[in-house]
Amino acid sequence: MSLIVTDLAVLEPTDQGPLLRECAPGVSIGENARRLRGQICEGLGFLGVRLNAARNATNSAEISPPGAPVRVLVRRTGEEAMIARHTRAVLAQAGATG
């Protein structure tokens, strides 16, 4: 889990250094990867990241508990469209080299 942390983070500058305000863990892994999001958030507790298990289980837009110091968000990815774009690029490259 140490390689996947977040693809989107909002940091607020403070006198003590940057403060994490918002994150979307594992944006590129897909919006339905509940278990992986949970594992990622477990490792970010030291930053104030908290997870509401019920919200995470239903893929809510925000999966942090109310009043948490860091908002944890689920970003919609359009997985099918992303897969189609990657497939088309691979096929185009194979046609160019094949």
Protein backbone atom coordinates (compact mmCIF):
# COMPACT_ATOMS: atom_id res chain seq x y z
CA MET A 1 0.00 0.00 0.00
CA SER A 2 2.94 2.36 0.31
CA LEU A 3 2.91 3.15 -3.42
CA ILE A 4 -0.75 4.23 -3.67
CA VAL A 5 -1.57 7.21 -1.53
CA THR A 6 -3.54 9.89 -3.31
CA ASP A 7 -3.93 11.37 -6.75
CA LEU A 8 -5.59 14.50 -5.46
CA ALA A 9 -4.84 16.44 -2.29
CA VAL A 10 -5.65 19.91 -1.00
CA LEU A 11 -3.02 21.37 1.30
CA GLU A 12 -3.42 24.54 3.35
CA PRO A 13 -0.27 26.46 4.25
CA THR A 14 0.13 27.08 8.00
CA ASP A 15 2.88 28.39 10.26
CA GLN A 16 3.72 24.77 11.14
CA GLY A 17 3.86 23.67 7.51
CA PRO A 18 1.27 22.38 5.04
CA LEU A 19 -1.93 20.94 6.52
CA LEU A 20 -3.90 18.31 4.60
CA ARG A 21 -7.52 19.43 4.18
CA GLU A 22 -8.90 17.15 1.47
CA CYS A 23 -7.81 14.02 -0.37
CA ALA A 24 -9.16 11.48 -2.84
CA PRO A 25 -7.26 8.26 -2.16
CA GLY A 26 -6.49 6.09 -5.15
CA VAL A 27 -8.42 8.14 -7.72
CA SER A 28 -6.91 6.11 -10.55
CA ILE A 29 -7.87 2.74 -9.02
CA GLY A 30 -11.58 3.12 -9.71
CA GLU A 31 -14.50 4.46 -7.76
CA ASN A 32 -15.71 1.00 -6.64
CA ALA A 33 -12.49 -0.09 -4.92
CA ARG A 34 -13.89 0.19 -1.37
CA ARG A 35 -11.49 -2.23 0.28
CA LEU A 36 -8.41 -0.62 -1.23
CA ARG A 37 -9.64 2.88 -0.27
CA GLY A 38 -10.06 1.63 3.30
CA GLN A 39 -6.54 0.24 3.37
CA ILE A 40 -5.11 3.46 1.97
CA CYS A 41 -6.96 5.57 4.55
CA GLU A 42 -5.76 3.34 7.40
CA GLY A 43 -2.21 4.27 6.52
CA LEU A 44 -3.01 8.00 6.46
CA GLY A 45 -4.41 8.33 9.98
CA PHE A 46 -1.32 10.25 11.10
CA LEU A 47 -2.42 13.01 8.68
CA GLY A 48 -5.89 13.24 10.21
CA VAL A 49 -7.55 11.03 7.58
CA ARG A 50 -10.58 9.21 8.99
CA LEU A 51 -12.96 6.88 7.15
CA ASN A 52 -16.69 6.35 7.66
CA ALA A 53 -17.10 2.64 6.83
CA ALA A 54 -20.79 2.95 5.91
CA ARG A 55 -20.12 5.83 3.50
CA ASN A 56 -17.18 3.97 1.99
CA ALA A 57 -19.31 0.82 1.52
CA THR A 58 -21.87 2.76 -0.54
CA ASN A 59 -19.30 4.74 -2.57
CA SER A 60 -20.59 8.06 -1.23
CA ALA A 61 -19.04 11.19 -2.69
CA GLU A 62 -17.51 11.95 0.73
CA ILE A 63 -16.39 9.00 2.86
CA SER A 64 -14.96 10.80 5.89
CA PRO A 65 -17.08 11.17 9.02
CA PRO A 66 -18.86 14.49 9.65
CA GLY A 67 -16.50 17.01 11.22
CA ALA A 68 -13.33 15.07 10.34
CA PRO A 69 -10.20 17.21 10.05
CA VAL A 70 -9.64 15.98 6.47
CA ARG A 71 -12.41 15.50 3.90
CA VAL A 72 -11.94 12.17 2.11
CA LEU A 73 -13.62 12.14 -1.31
CA VAL A 74 -14.48 9.55 -3.94
CA ARG A 75 -14.03 10.92 -7.43
CA ARG A 76 -16.08 9.39 -10.23
CA THR A 77 -13.73 8.03 -12.86
CA GLY A 78 -15.80 6.85 -15.83
CA GLU A 79 -13.95 3.53 -15.72
CA GLU A 80 -15.46 2.12 -18.92
CA ALA A 81 -14.47 5.18 -20.95
CA MET A 82 -10.97 5.09 -19.46
CA ILE A 83 -10.57 1.40 -20.35
CA ALA A 84 -11.80 2.09 -23.90
CA ARG A 85 -9.29 4.94 -24.35
CA HIS A 86 -6.40 2.80 -23.10
CA THR A 87 -7.46 -0.12 -25.31
CA ARG A 88 -7.69 2.10 -28.38
CA ALA A 89 -4.23 3.53 -27.68
CA VAL A 90 -2.71 0.04 -27.28
CA LEU A 91 -4.37 -1.20 -30.47
CA ALA A 92 -3.24 1.88 -32.38
CA GLN A 93 0.32 1.36 -31.19
CA ALA A 94 0.19 -2.34 -32.10
CA GLY A 95 -1.07 -1.44 -35.58
CA ALA A 96 1.76 1.04 -36.05
CA THR A 97 4.40 -1.47 -35.03
CA GLY A 98 2.72 -4.69 -36.23
